[in-house]
Amino acid sequence: MTDLLDVKDLWVRFPTRKGQFDAVRGVSFRLGRERLGIVGESGSGKSMTGRAILRLIRAPGQVEAAHIKLDGEDLLQKSEVEMRAVRGQRISMVMQDPKFSLNPVMTVGDQLIEAYRLHAKGTRAEARAKAIEMLEAVSIRDAERVMRAYPHEMSGGMGQRIMIAMMLIPDPELLIADEPTSALDVSVQAQVLQILDRLVQDRGMGLIFISHDLNLVAQFCDRVLIMYAGRVVETCDAARLHEATHPYTRGLLNSLPRFDAPQGRLEVLKRDPAWAEAPSVGPE
């Protein structure tokens, strides 16, 4: 399988009053046209890794890596102007709580049209047709009504689908989804995942799915990276996630309730300081 994305020795650093803080420390992985899950607790560096790939870490934050290659092109060597052609057009990112990323004073249609014309430079009529096509692609039934609506008129699930539609308008090669289902109920969550799965398969995209839900990632993704304190402590096939061996991954799994093995009291995750100092696990 040809690598779509190749990240090697990625570091994200922030200066603080107490000295330098390393939010991401030596992360390396490769991604083909597949679904890669990144899991871990809050603060483990998952979202920072996604943002660093797109060079969205602003000063005084610093991003360093041996390379971040997209189709063989090192994104770290590109200027900010060149990166604007990458963001959205080649790599799109759905942020956490995407409904709140929409502009509250613009209609959904105007925002989708603006996203299309920014990258495709087409006419407004072409942009409108593309926007309606993408809304229908994410299973929104009355696309014309949604085009006229404002973000506050949409439910959480609808807002999630609208943001996914907006990110997919330029036909990106890679989609980074940062906790795209965290605020949704189980039934809507399943619908959003089906949409993402279908789009990845139909378009041959790569997907980085960032989540704290191990069971969800095990069911949805192909491979999984487990992050702790800015490092990758283990990688495994998603279908074999429940056979993971690292004590941190085992602790996360054991702290989850299970219908097939009910427990009176769930285990409390016990952390070992040595986990944070061990080298990151590289790509397999």
Protein backbone atom coordinates (compact mmCIF):
# COMPACT_ATOMS: atom_id res chain seq x y z
CA MET A 1 0.00 0.00 0.00
CA THR A 2 1.40 3.41 -1.03
CA ASP A 3 1.77 5.93 1.79
CA LEU A 4 -0.56 8.91 1.48
CA LEU A 5 0.89 10.54 4.60
CA ASP A 6 4.25 9.91 6.26
CA VAL A 7 4.95 11.63 9.60
CA LYS A 8 8.37 11.15 11.19
CA ASP A 9 9.56 12.37 14.61
CA LEU A 10 6.89 15.05 15.10
CA TRP A 11 7.25 17.40 18.08
CA VAL A 12 4.92 20.22 19.19
CA ARG A 13 6.35 22.54 21.86
CA PHE A 14 4.98 25.50 23.84
CA PRO A 15 6.98 27.87 26.08
CA THR A 16 5.53 28.34 29.58
CA ARG A 17 6.56 30.15 32.73
CA LYS A 18 7.88 26.87 34.08
CA GLY A 19 9.86 26.07 30.95
CA GLN A 20 9.15 24.29 27.69
CA PHE A 21 6.13 22.00 27.47
CA ASP A 22 6.19 19.21 24.88
CA ALA A 23 2.59 18.49 23.84
CA VAL A 24 3.60 15.98 21.12
CA ARG A 25 6.88 14.10 21.47
CA GLY A 26 8.50 12.17 18.67
CA VAL A 27 5.36 10.83 16.98
CA SER A 28 5.86 8.82 13.78
CA PHE A 29 3.31 7.00 11.63
CA ARG A 30 2.31 6.28 8.05
CA LEU A 31 -1.16 6.39 6.53
CA GLY A 32 -2.45 4.82 3.34
CA ARG A 33 -5.95 5.17 1.94
CA GLU A 34 -7.39 3.68 5.11
CA ARG A 35 -9.01 4.59 8.43
CA LEU A 36 -6.45 5.28 11.15
CA GLY A 37 -7.68 5.84 14.69
CA ILE A 38 -5.76 7.89 17.26
CA VAL A 39 -6.97 7.33 20.83
CA GLY A 40 -5.96 8.41 24.31
CA GLU A 41 -7.06 10.50 27.26
CA SER A 42 -7.68 14.23 27.08
CA GLY A 43 -4.30 15.96 26.89
CA SER A 44 -2.51 13.01 25.30
CA GLY A 45 -1.66 15.01 22.15
CA LYS A 46 -4.26 13.61 19.72
CA SER A 47 -5.71 16.91 18.51
CA MET A 48 -2.30 18.61 18.51
CA THR A 49 -1.01 15.90 16.18
CA GLY A 50 -3.86 16.56 13.72
CA ARG A 51 -3.39 20.32 13.86
CA ALA A 52 0.39 20.02 13.45
CA ILE A 53 -0.03 18.04 10.22
CA LEU A 54 -1.89 21.04 8.77
CA ARG A 55 0.55 23.48 10.41
CA LEU A 56 -2.26 25.08 12.40
CA ILE A 57 -0.13 25.48 15.55
CA ARG A 58 0.33 29.22 15.96
CA ALA A 59 3.12 31.10 17.70
CA PRO A 60 4.50 30.80 20.29
CA GLY A 61 3.87 27.09 19.62
CA GLN A 62 6.57 25.33 17.57
CA VAL A 63 6.26 22.36 15.23
CA GLU A 64 9.35 20.30 14.40
CA ALA A 65 9.67 17.00 12.52
CA ALA A 66 12.08 15.08 10.33
CA HIS A 67 9.29 15.36 7.74
CA ILE A 68 5.52 15.45 7.24
CA LYS A 69 5.07 14.13 3.71
CA LEU A 70 1.80 14.17 1.76
CA ASP A 71 2.16 12.11 -1.42
CA GLY A 72 5.93 12.51 -1.06
CA GLU A 73 5.83 16.32 -0.64
CA ASP A 74 7.20 17.63 2.66
CA LEU A 75 4.63 20.04 4.10
CA LEU A 76 7.26 21.57 6.39
CA GLN A 77 9.11 22.90 3.33
CA LYS A 78 6.07 24.75 1.99
CA SER A 79 5.44 28.46 2.51
CA GLU A 80 2.29 29.68 4.25
CA VAL A 81 0.81 30.63 0.86
CA GLU A 82 1.48 27.11 -0.44
CA MET A 83 -0.07 25.60 2.71
CA ARG A 84 -3.31 27.45 2.02
CA ALA A 85 -3.63 25.37 -1.14
CA VAL A 86 -3.13 22.21 0.94
CA ARG A 87 -5.61 23.07 3.71
CA GLY A 88 -9.08 22.17 2.65
CA GLN A 89 -8.18 21.24 -0.89
CA ARG A 90 -5.87 18.29 -0.17
CA ILE A 91 -6.32 17.83 3.58
CA SER A 92 -9.53 18.77 5.38
CA MET A 93 -10.10 18.74 9.13
CA VAL A 94 -13.39 18.47 11.00
CA MET A 95 -12.82 20.15 14.37
CA GLN A 96 -14.32 19.20 17.72
CA ASP A 97 -17.90 20.48 18.08
CA PRO A 98 -17.93 21.43 14.39
CA LYS A 99 -21.34 23.11 14.61
CA PHE A 100 -19.65 25.93 16.55
CA SER A 101 -17.07 26.31 13.76
CA LEU A 102 -19.81 27.55 11.44
CA ASN A 103 -20.35 31.29 11.07
CA PRO A 104 -23.56 32.11 13.03
CA VAL A 105 -24.50 35.12 10.86
CA MET A 106 -24.24 33.36 7.47
CA THR A 107 -26.65 30.81 6.07
CA VAL A 108 -25.41 27.25 5.65
CA GLY A 109 -25.71 27.62 1.87
CA ASP A 110 -23.57 30.76 1.72
CA GLN A 111 -20.84 29.07 3.77
CA LEU A 112 -20.81 25.96 1.58
CA ILE A 113 -20.75 28.08 -1.57
CA GLU A 114 -17.87 30.16 -0.18
CA ALA A 115 -15.91 26.98 0.63
CA TYR A 116 -16.34 25.70 -2.93
CA ARG A 117 -15.46 28.96 -4.68
CA LEU A 118 -12.39 29.43 -2.50
CA HIS A 119 -10.85 26.25 -3.93
CA ALA A 120 -12.57 25.60 -7.28
CA LYS A 121 -13.05 29.22 -8.48
CA GLY A 122 -16.32 28.20 -10.15
CA THR A 123 -19.47 30.24 -10.69
CA ARG A 124 -22.00 30.73 -7.93
CA ALA A 125 -24.46 28.45 -9.75
CA GLU A 126 -21.84 25.68 -9.95
CA ALA A 127 -20.99 26.19 -6.28
CA ARG A 128 -24.64 25.99 -5.27
CA ALA A 129 -25.13 22.76 -7.21
CA LYS A 130 -22.03 21.26 -5.60
CA ALA A 131 -23.18 22.33 -2.13
CA ILE A 132 -26.56 20.66 -2.58
CA GLU A 133 -24.85 17.54 -3.94
CA MET A 134 -22.59 17.34 -0.87
CA LEU A 135 -25.46 17.87 1.58
CA GLU A 136 -27.29 15.00 -0.07
CA ALA A 137 -24.08 12.91 0.08
CA VAL A 138 -24.09 13.21 3.89
CA SER A 139 -27.74 12.04 4.04
CA ILE A 140 -29.42 15.42 4.53
CA ARG A 141 -32.85 14.97 2.97
CA ASP A 142 -34.15 18.52 2.45
CA ALA A 143 -30.96 20.12 1.16
CA GLU A 144 -32.71 23.22 -0.22
CA ARG A 145 -34.19 24.06 3.19
CA VAL A 146 -30.86 23.50 4.94
CA MET A 147 -29.13 25.80 2.43
CA ARG A 148 -31.43 28.65 3.57
CA ALA A 149 -31.06 27.91 7.30
CA TYR A 150 -28.64 29.37 9.85
CA PRO A 151 -26.37 27.17 12.02
CA HIS A 152 -28.37 27.79 15.22
CA GLU A 153 -31.43 26.25 13.53
CA MET A 154 -29.63 22.94 13.10
CA SER A 155 -29.39 20.07 15.60
CA GLY A 156 -26.01 18.71 16.68
CA GLY A 157 -26.20 15.85 14.22
CA MET A 158 -27.17 18.15 11.35
CA GLY A 159 -24.36 20.57 12.21
CA GLN A 160 -21.93 17.66 12.21
CA ARG A 161 -23.08 16.56 8.75
CA ILE A 162 -22.92 20.10 7.38
CA MET A 163 -19.30 20.47 8.51
CA ILE A 164 -18.40 17.12 6.99
CA ALA A 165 -20.05 18.23 3.72
CA MET A 166 -18.10 21.50 3.80
CA MET A 167 -14.79 19.72 4.38
CA LEU A 168 -15.47 17.29 1.52
CA ILE A 169 -16.50 19.89 -1.08
CA PRO A 170 -12.92 20.29 -2.43
CA ASP A 171 -12.53 16.46 -2.76
CA PRO A 172 -9.56 16.18 -0.34
CA GLU A 173 -7.17 13.25 -0.34
CA LEU A 174 -7.12 13.12 3.48
CA LEU A 175 -9.75 13.90 6.10
CA ILE A 176 -8.80 14.47 9.75
CA ALA A 177 -11.87 14.04 11.97
CA ASP A 178 -11.27 15.30 15.52
CA GLU A 179 -13.86 13.70 17.83
CA PRO A 180 -16.60 14.13 15.17
CA THR A 181 -19.18 12.11 17.10
CA SER A 182 -18.43 13.07 20.71
CA ALA A 183 -21.50 15.31 21.18
CA LEU A 184 -23.97 13.03 19.38
CA ASP A 185 -26.37 10.40 20.66
CA VAL A 186 -25.76 6.78 19.69
CA SER A 187 -28.19 6.62 16.75
CA VAL A 188 -26.91 9.83 15.13
CA GLN A 189 -23.33 8.76 15.87
CA ALA A 190 -23.87 5.55 13.90
CA GLN A 191 -25.29 7.52 10.95
CA VAL A 192 -22.32 9.91 10.86
CA LEU A 193 -19.87 6.99 10.98
CA GLN A 194 -21.69 5.27 8.11
CA ILE A 195 -21.41 8.47 6.08
CA LEU A 196 -17.67 8.77 6.79
CA ASP A 197 -17.12 5.09 5.99
CA ARG A 198 -18.96 5.32 2.69
CA LEU A 199 -17.15 8.50 1.65
CA VAL A 200 -13.73 7.01 2.45
CA GLN A 201 -14.50 3.89 0.40
CA ASP A 202 -16.16 5.68 -2.53
CA ARG A 203 -13.55 8.43 -2.83
CA GLY A 204 -10.47 6.40 -1.88
CA MET A 205 -9.57 8.92 0.83
CA GLY A 206 -7.38 8.51 3.86
CA LEU A 207 -9.01 9.17 7.25
CA ILE A 208 -7.46 10.04 10.61
CA PHE A 209 -10.17 9.48 13.23
CA ILE A 210 -9.28 11.09 16.56
CA SER A 211 -11.31 9.84 19.52
CA HIS A 212 -11.27 8.87 23.19
CA ASP A 213 -13.79 6.05 22.59
CA LEU A 214 -11.82 2.81 22.25
CA ASN A 215 -14.84 0.64 21.47
CA LEU A 216 -15.92 2.98 18.68
CA VAL A 217 -12.44 3.05 17.14
CA ALA A 218 -12.14 -0.75 17.36
CA GLN A 219 -15.34 -1.14 15.36
CA PHE A 220 -14.78 1.64 12.81
CA CYS A 221 -11.05 1.93 12.03
CA ASP A 222 -8.46 -0.29 10.33
CA ARG A 223 -5.48 0.56 12.55
CA VAL A 224 -5.07 2.35 15.89
CA LEU A 225 -2.38 4.48 17.52
CA ILE A 226 -2.63 4.75 21.31
CA MET A 227 -1.16 8.00 22.67
CA TYR A 228 -0.09 8.86 26.20
CA ALA A 229 1.61 12.11 27.31
CA GLY A 230 2.37 13.14 23.73
CA ARG A 231 3.87 9.79 22.70
CA VAL A 232 2.60 6.78 20.77
CA VAL A 233 2.85 3.90 23.24
CA GLU A 234 1.30 1.18 21.06
CA THR A 235 0.00 0.53 17.55
CA CYS A 236 -2.26 -2.35 16.56
CA ASP A 237 -4.93 -3.53 14.16
CA ALA A 238 -8.28 -2.09 15.23
CA ALA A 239 -9.95 -5.50 15.14
CA ARG A 240 -7.36 -6.75 17.67
CA LEU A 241 -7.43 -3.68 19.92
CA HIS A 242 -8.89 -5.67 22.82
CA GLU A 243 -5.79 -7.91 22.61
CA ALA A 244 -3.42 -4.97 23.13
CA THR A 245 -0.54 -5.62 25.52
CA HIS A 246 0.71 -2.23 26.74
CA PRO A 247 -0.38 -1.64 30.36
CA TYR A 248 -1.76 1.80 29.49
CA THR A 249 -3.97 0.40 26.72
CA ARG A 250 -5.03 -2.47 29.00
CA GLY A 251 -5.90 0.07 31.70
CA LEU A 252 -8.05 2.08 29.29
CA LEU A 253 -9.84 -1.06 28.13
CA ASN A 254 -10.41 -2.34 31.66
CA SER A 255 -11.94 0.97 32.72
CA LEU A 256 -14.75 0.56 30.16
CA PRO A 257 -18.03 -1.16 31.07
CA ARG A 258 -18.72 -4.37 29.13
CA PHE A 259 -22.05 -6.09 28.58
CA ASP A 260 -20.39 -9.48 28.08
CA ALA A 261 -18.40 -9.24 31.33
CA PRO A 262 -20.25 -7.01 33.85
CA GLN A 263 -18.29 -5.87 36.88
CA GLY A 264 -19.44 -4.44 40.20
CA ARG A 265 -16.66 -1.85 40.11
CA LEU A 266 -14.62 -0.67 37.11
CA GLU A 267 -10.83 -0.54 37.40
CA VAL A 268 -9.10 2.80 37.99
CA LEU A 269 -6.33 3.52 35.50
CA LYS A 270 -2.94 3.37 37.20
CA ARG A 271 -0.22 5.33 35.44
CA ASP A 272 3.49 4.62 35.44
CA PRO A 273 5.79 7.68 34.99
CA ALA A 274 8.06 5.48 32.84
CA TRP A 275 5.40 5.39 30.09
CA ALA A 276 5.86 9.10 29.46
CA GLU A 277 9.64 8.74 29.07
CA ALA A 278 9.71 5.66 26.83
CA PRO A 279 10.42 6.35 23.12
CA SER A 280 7.41 6.68 20.85
CA VAL A 281 6.48 3.57 18.91
CA GLY A 282 7.31 4.10 15.24
CA PRO A 283 5.37 3.02 12.14
CA GLU A 284 5.00 -0.70 11.60
